[in-house]
Amino acid sequence: MEAARAKVRVLVLASVCAWAACAWTSQARAQQADNPLKAAAKLLGFATDVAPPADFVVKSRPAGDLDYIPVFQPPPEPEKPALKDTDLKAMRGDLDSVQKKDDSIRQAFPPAAKAMAEDAAAQKAKGQANAKPAAPNQ
């Protein structure tokens, strides 16, 4: 019984030491294949080898190792030039015609017509309720 407790103590001590060593080593060093700590972790089943990335990932990455990746880059300039007044007016006309067409479709749709009628009646009733004069105090 005492021998089993001694083995458990050794295993606990080894795992605590391994954890401490992992905490103190750098991440880059832990990724190396020849690291003895990683080899021990692999034997215990706590670590594995990282598989190489897929081809599409490799192709999408830049060729060199970038030291600095800028965070706040100005947005790229638009490829199209700004619209002239005539082009802008033509686009507004197109948008207005689409809006009129959609409004006519919306008016012909019975639930929309009913909702608009109910809304108009509610606005009228609200306006009449606000227009009533207050009764004088007697």
Protein backbone atom coordinates (compact mmCIF):
# COMPACT_ATOMS: atom_id res chain seq x y z
CA MET A 1 0.00 0.00 0.00
CA GLU A 2 2.84 2.32 0.87
CA ALA A 3 4.51 1.57 -2.48
CA ALA A 4 1.36 2.63 -4.36
CA ARG A 5 1.25 5.92 -2.46
CA ALA A 6 4.89 6.55 -3.24
CA LYS A 7 4.23 5.97 -6.96
CA VAL A 8 1.28 8.38 -6.88
CA ARG A 9 3.45 11.00 -5.15
CA VAL A 10 6.14 10.59 -7.80
CA LEU A 11 3.59 10.93 -10.60
CA VAL A 12 2.04 14.03 -9.02
CA LEU A 13 5.46 15.57 -8.49
CA ALA A 14 6.45 14.79 -12.09
CA SER A 15 3.26 16.31 -13.46
CA VAL A 16 3.71 19.46 -11.34
CA CYS A 17 7.31 19.78 -12.52
CA ALA A 18 6.24 19.24 -16.13
CA TRP A 19 3.53 21.87 -15.76
CA ALA A 20 5.98 24.35 -14.26
CA ALA A 21 8.47 23.68 -17.06
CA CYS A 22 5.74 24.25 -19.65
CA ALA A 23 4.74 27.49 -18.00
CA TRP A 24 8.30 28.78 -18.03
CA THR A 25 9.30 27.79 -21.53
CA SER A 26 8.38 29.97 -24.44
CA GLN A 27 5.66 29.01 -26.86
CA ALA A 28 8.04 28.91 -29.80
CA ARG A 29 10.31 26.54 -27.97
CA ALA A 30 7.40 24.28 -27.05
CA GLN A 31 6.55 23.89 -30.74
CA GLN A 32 9.98 22.53 -31.62
CA ALA A 33 10.11 18.82 -32.38
CA ASP A 34 13.42 18.23 -30.55
CA ASN A 35 12.20 19.67 -27.26
CA PRO A 36 12.58 17.01 -24.54
CA LEU A 37 9.60 18.36 -22.65
CA LYS A 38 7.41 17.96 -25.69
CA ALA A 39 8.74 14.45 -26.26
CA ALA A 40 7.79 13.55 -22.69
CA ALA A 41 4.35 15.12 -23.15
CA LYS A 42 3.87 13.15 -26.36
CA LEU A 43 4.72 9.94 -24.52
CA LEU A 44 2.11 10.73 -21.89
CA GLY A 45 -0.45 11.67 -24.57
CA PHE A 46 -0.63 15.39 -23.74
CA ALA A 47 0.96 16.70 -26.95
CA THR A 48 0.80 15.98 -30.66
CA ASP A 49 2.60 17.11 -33.77
CA VAL A 50 1.03 19.95 -35.72
CA ALA A 51 0.00 18.94 -39.24
CA PRO A 52 1.16 21.14 -42.12
CA PRO A 53 -1.45 23.63 -43.37
CA ALA A 54 -3.59 22.85 -46.40
CA ASP A 55 -2.49 23.99 -49.87
CA PHE A 56 -5.07 26.79 -50.10
CA VAL A 57 -3.82 28.21 -46.81
CA VAL A 58 -0.21 28.17 -47.97
CA LYS A 59 -1.16 29.81 -51.28
CA SER A 60 -3.15 32.58 -49.56
CA ARG A 61 -0.28 33.59 -47.27
CA PRO A 62 2.42 36.08 -48.33
CA ALA A 63 5.67 34.64 -49.65
CA GLY A 64 8.00 36.07 -46.99
CA ASP A 65 7.83 36.13 -43.25
CA LEU A 66 6.38 39.54 -42.37
CA ASP A 67 7.84 41.21 -39.31
CA TYR A 68 5.30 44.03 -39.27
CA ILE A 69 1.67 43.87 -40.31
CA PRO A 70 0.15 47.37 -40.35
CA VAL A 71 -3.12 47.59 -38.48
CA PHE A 72 -4.54 50.94 -39.53
CA GLN A 73 -4.05 51.20 -43.26
CA PRO A 74 -5.94 53.84 -45.21
CA PRO A 75 -8.66 52.29 -47.34
CA PRO A 76 -7.85 51.86 -51.00
CA GLU A 77 -9.05 54.55 -53.34
CA PRO A 78 -12.19 53.65 -55.27
CA GLU A 79 -11.57 52.49 -58.81
CA LYS A 80 -14.53 54.43 -60.21
CA PRO A 81 -14.41 58.22 -60.37
CA ALA A 82 -17.10 60.29 -58.65
CA LEU A 83 -20.35 60.66 -60.59
CA LYS A 84 -20.98 63.84 -62.52
CA ASP A 85 -24.19 65.83 -62.01
CA THR A 86 -25.89 64.40 -65.10
CA ASP A 87 -25.04 60.82 -64.09
CA LEU A 88 -26.20 61.48 -60.54
CA LYS A 89 -29.53 62.93 -61.75
CA ALA A 90 -30.03 59.94 -64.04
CA MET A 91 -29.40 57.55 -61.14
CA ARG A 92 -31.82 59.48 -58.93
CA GLY A 93 -34.45 59.25 -61.67
CA ASP A 94 -33.93 55.50 -61.89
CA LEU A 95 -34.27 55.15 -58.14
CA ASP A 96 -37.41 57.30 -58.08
CA SER A 97 -39.02 55.21 -60.82
CA VAL A 98 -38.26 52.02 -58.90
CA GLN A 99 -39.68 53.56 -55.74
CA LYS A 100 -42.91 54.58 -57.53
CA LYS A 101 -43.26 51.09 -59.01
CA ASP A 102 -42.74 49.48 -55.60
CA ASP A 103 -45.19 51.90 -53.97
CA SER A 104 -47.86 50.96 -56.51
CA ILE A 105 -47.27 47.26 -55.80
CA ARG A 106 -47.42 47.94 -52.06
CA GLN A 107 -50.70 49.89 -52.43
CA ALA A 108 -52.28 46.99 -54.32
CA PHE A 109 -51.33 44.50 -51.59
CA PRO A 110 -54.43 44.20 -49.31
CA PRO A 111 -52.67 43.86 -45.92
CA ALA A 112 -50.57 46.93 -46.65
CA ALA A 113 -53.60 48.96 -47.73
CA LYS A 114 -55.48 47.84 -44.61
CA ALA A 115 -52.54 48.71 -42.35
CA MET A 116 -52.24 52.15 -43.95
CA ALA A 117 -55.99 52.78 -43.51
CA GLU A 118 -55.82 51.71 -39.86
CA ASP A 119 -52.80 53.92 -39.30
CA ALA A 120 -54.56 56.91 -40.88
CA ALA A 121 -57.66 56.28 -38.71
CA ALA A 122 -55.48 56.04 -35.58
CA GLN A 123 -53.72 59.29 -36.45
CA LYS A 124 -57.10 60.99 -37.04
CA ALA A 125 -58.51 59.71 -33.73
CA LYS A 126 -55.36 60.83 -31.93
CA GLY A 127 -55.64 64.28 -33.50
CA GLN A 128 -59.32 64.58 -32.44
CA ALA A 129 -58.50 63.48 -28.89
CA ASN A 130 -55.80 66.15 -28.63
CA ALA A 131 -58.12 68.81 -30.12
CA LYS A 132 -60.88 68.43 -27.44
CA PRO A 133 -60.87 71.43 -25.08
CA ALA A 134 -60.45 70.78 -21.40
CA ALA A 135 -63.63 71.04 -19.30
CA PRO A 136 -63.65 74.07 -16.98
CA ASN A 137 -63.46 73.37 -13.27
CA GLN A 138 -66.70 74.09 -11.45
